[in-house]
Amino acid sequence: MKYTRITVNPNQMGGLPCIRGMRVPVATVVSMVAEGMSKEEILKEYPYLEAEDITEALHFAAEAVRERTLPLLTAS
């Protein structure tokens, strides 16, 4: 997938992936979704974001997790 709404600039936010060159890290958006916020609530909190930004942030995060091994506890 080609990400058109995710940018990485080493001179902005420490090089974290952000939404469309703004100072809104992908991790912030993903965390809001994980905390149970709806798209509408996120857009109200960040009115300069668009619904597509949230969707792409989630896709980006899913791909980032897919690309690395994470230390997880296994169920006994």
C-alpha atoms as a PDB file:
ATOM      1  CA  MET A   1       0.000   0.000   0.000  1.00  0.00           C
ATOM      2  CA  LYS A   2       1.237   3.466  -0.836  1.00  0.00           C
ATOM      3  CA  TYR A   3       0.764   5.940   1.998  1.00  0.00           C
ATOM      4  CA  THR A   4      -0.123   9.377   0.701  1.00  0.00           C
ATOM      5  CA  ARG A   5      -1.168  10.880   4.047  1.00  0.00           C
ATOM      6  CA  ILE A   6       1.771   9.729   6.180  1.00  0.00           C
ATOM      7  CA  THR A   7       4.979  11.772   6.134  1.00  0.00           C
ATOM      8  CA  VAL A   8       8.328  11.399   7.847  1.00  0.00           C
ATOM      9  CA  ASN A   9      10.561  14.429   8.267  1.00  0.00           C
ATOM     10  CA  PRO A  10      13.696  14.059  10.398  1.00  0.00           C
ATOM     11  CA  ASN A  11      13.391  17.749  11.347  1.00  0.00           C
ATOM     12  CA  GLN A  12       9.819  17.429  12.614  1.00  0.00           C
ATOM     13  CA  MET A  13       8.614  15.555  15.705  1.00  0.00           C
ATOM     14  CA  GLY A  14      11.928  13.704  15.910  1.00  0.00           C
ATOM     15  CA  GLY A  15      11.295  11.943  12.611  1.00  0.00           C
ATOM     16  CA  LEU A  16       8.118  10.214  13.796  1.00  0.00           C
ATOM     17  CA  PRO A  17       5.569   9.313  11.112  1.00  0.00           C
ATOM     18  CA  CYS A  18       3.006  12.130  11.065  1.00  0.00           C
ATOM     19  CA  ILE A  19      -0.223  12.961   9.298  1.00  0.00           C
ATOM     20  CA  ARG A  20       0.229  15.013   6.101  1.00  0.00           C
ATOM     21  CA  GLY A  21       3.269  16.955   7.307  1.00  0.00           C
ATOM     22  CA  MET A  22       1.445  18.228  10.369  1.00  0.00           C
ATOM     23  CA  ARG A  23       2.687  17.835  13.921  1.00  0.00           C
ATOM     24  CA  VAL A  24       0.212  15.025  14.584  1.00  0.00           C
ATOM     25  CA  PRO A  25       2.040  11.714  14.974  1.00  0.00           C
ATOM     26  CA  VAL A  26       0.413   8.567  13.641  1.00  0.00           C
ATOM     27  CA  ALA A  27       0.868   7.090  17.132  1.00  0.00           C
ATOM     28  CA  THR A  28      -1.322   9.814  18.621  1.00  0.00           C
ATOM     29  CA  VAL A  29      -4.179   9.025  16.254  1.00  0.00           C
ATOM     30  CA  VAL A  30      -3.829   5.269  16.756  1.00  0.00           C
ATOM     31  CA  SER A  31      -3.793   5.741  20.543  1.00  0.00           C
ATOM     32  CA  MET A  32      -7.014   7.747  20.391  1.00  0.00           C
ATOM     33  CA  VAL A  33      -8.701   4.934  18.473  1.00  0.00           C
ATOM     34  CA  ALA A  34      -7.317   2.384  20.949  1.00  0.00           C
ATOM     35  CA  GLU A  35      -8.777   4.425  23.814  1.00  0.00           C
ATOM     36  CA  GLY A  36     -12.200   4.081  22.230  1.00  0.00           C
ATOM     37  CA  MET A  37     -12.573   7.460  20.542  1.00  0.00           C
ATOM     38  CA  SER A  38     -14.706   7.481  17.418  1.00  0.00           C
ATOM     39  CA  LYS A  39     -13.564   9.088  14.174  1.00  0.00           C
ATOM     40  CA  GLU A  40     -16.025  11.874  14.834  1.00  0.00           C
ATOM     41  CA  GLU A  41     -14.535  12.543  18.284  1.00  0.00           C
ATOM     42  CA  ILE A  42     -11.004  12.584  16.897  1.00  0.00           C
ATOM     43  CA  LEU A  43     -12.022  14.952  14.117  1.00  0.00           C
ATOM     44  CA  LYS A  44     -13.644  17.233  16.675  1.00  0.00           C
ATOM     45  CA  GLU A  45     -10.431  17.230  18.747  1.00  0.00           C
ATOM     46  CA  TYR A  46      -8.277  17.779  15.630  1.00  0.00           C
ATOM     47  CA  PRO A  47     -10.524  19.636  13.146  1.00  0.00           C
ATOM     48  CA  TYR A  48      -7.731  19.937  10.586  1.00  0.00           C
ATOM     49  CA  LEU A  49      -7.613  16.144  10.190  1.00  0.00           C
ATOM     50  CA  GLU A  50      -9.783  14.259   7.720  1.00  0.00           C
ATOM     51  CA  ALA A  51     -11.446  10.871   8.166  1.00  0.00           C
ATOM     52  CA  GLU A  52      -9.079   9.411   5.558  1.00  0.00           C
ATOM     53  CA  ASP A  53      -6.123  10.460   7.745  1.00  0.00           C
ATOM     54  CA  ILE A  54      -7.406   8.255  10.564  1.00  0.00           C
ATOM     55  CA  THR A  55      -8.002   5.297   8.255  1.00  0.00           C
ATOM     56  CA  GLU A  56      -4.536   5.571   6.735  1.00  0.00           C
ATOM     57  CA  ALA A  57      -2.921   5.935  10.180  1.00  0.00           C
ATOM     58  CA  LEU A  58      -4.539   2.645  11.220  1.00  0.00           C
ATOM     59  CA  HIS A  59      -3.383   0.902   8.037  1.00  0.00           C
ATOM     60  CA  PHE A  60       0.125   2.284   8.538  1.00  0.00           C
ATOM     61  CA  ALA A  61       0.237   1.071  12.154  1.00  0.00           C
ATOM     62  CA  ALA A  62      -1.004  -2.380  11.161  1.00  0.00           C
ATOM     63  CA  GLU A  63       1.710  -2.649   8.526  1.00  0.00           C
ATOM     64  CA  ALA A  64       4.373  -1.438  10.968  1.00  0.00           C
ATOM     65  CA  VAL A  65       3.444  -4.199  13.417  1.00  0.00           C
ATOM     66  CA  ARG A  66       3.399  -6.767  10.637  1.00  0.00           C
ATOM     67  CA  GLU A  67       6.954  -5.818   9.705  1.00  0.00           C
ATOM     68  CA  ARG A  68       8.620  -6.552  13.049  1.00  0.00           C
ATOM     69  CA  THR A  69       8.701  -9.090  15.787  1.00  0.00           C
ATOM     70  CA  LEU A  70       7.260  -7.876  19.067  1.00  0.00           C
ATOM     71  CA  PRO A  71       7.956  -9.453  22.448  1.00  0.00           C
ATOM     72  CA  LEU A  72       4.614 -10.904  23.517  1.00  0.00           C
ATOM     73  CA  LEU A  73       3.722 -13.233  26.355  1.00  0.00           C
ATOM     74  CA  THR A  74       2.316 -16.506  25.148  1.00  0.00           C
ATOM     75  CA  ALA A  75      -0.860 -17.895  26.665  1.00  0.00           C
ATOM     76  CA  SER A  76      -0.332 -20.864  28.960  1.00  0.00           C
END
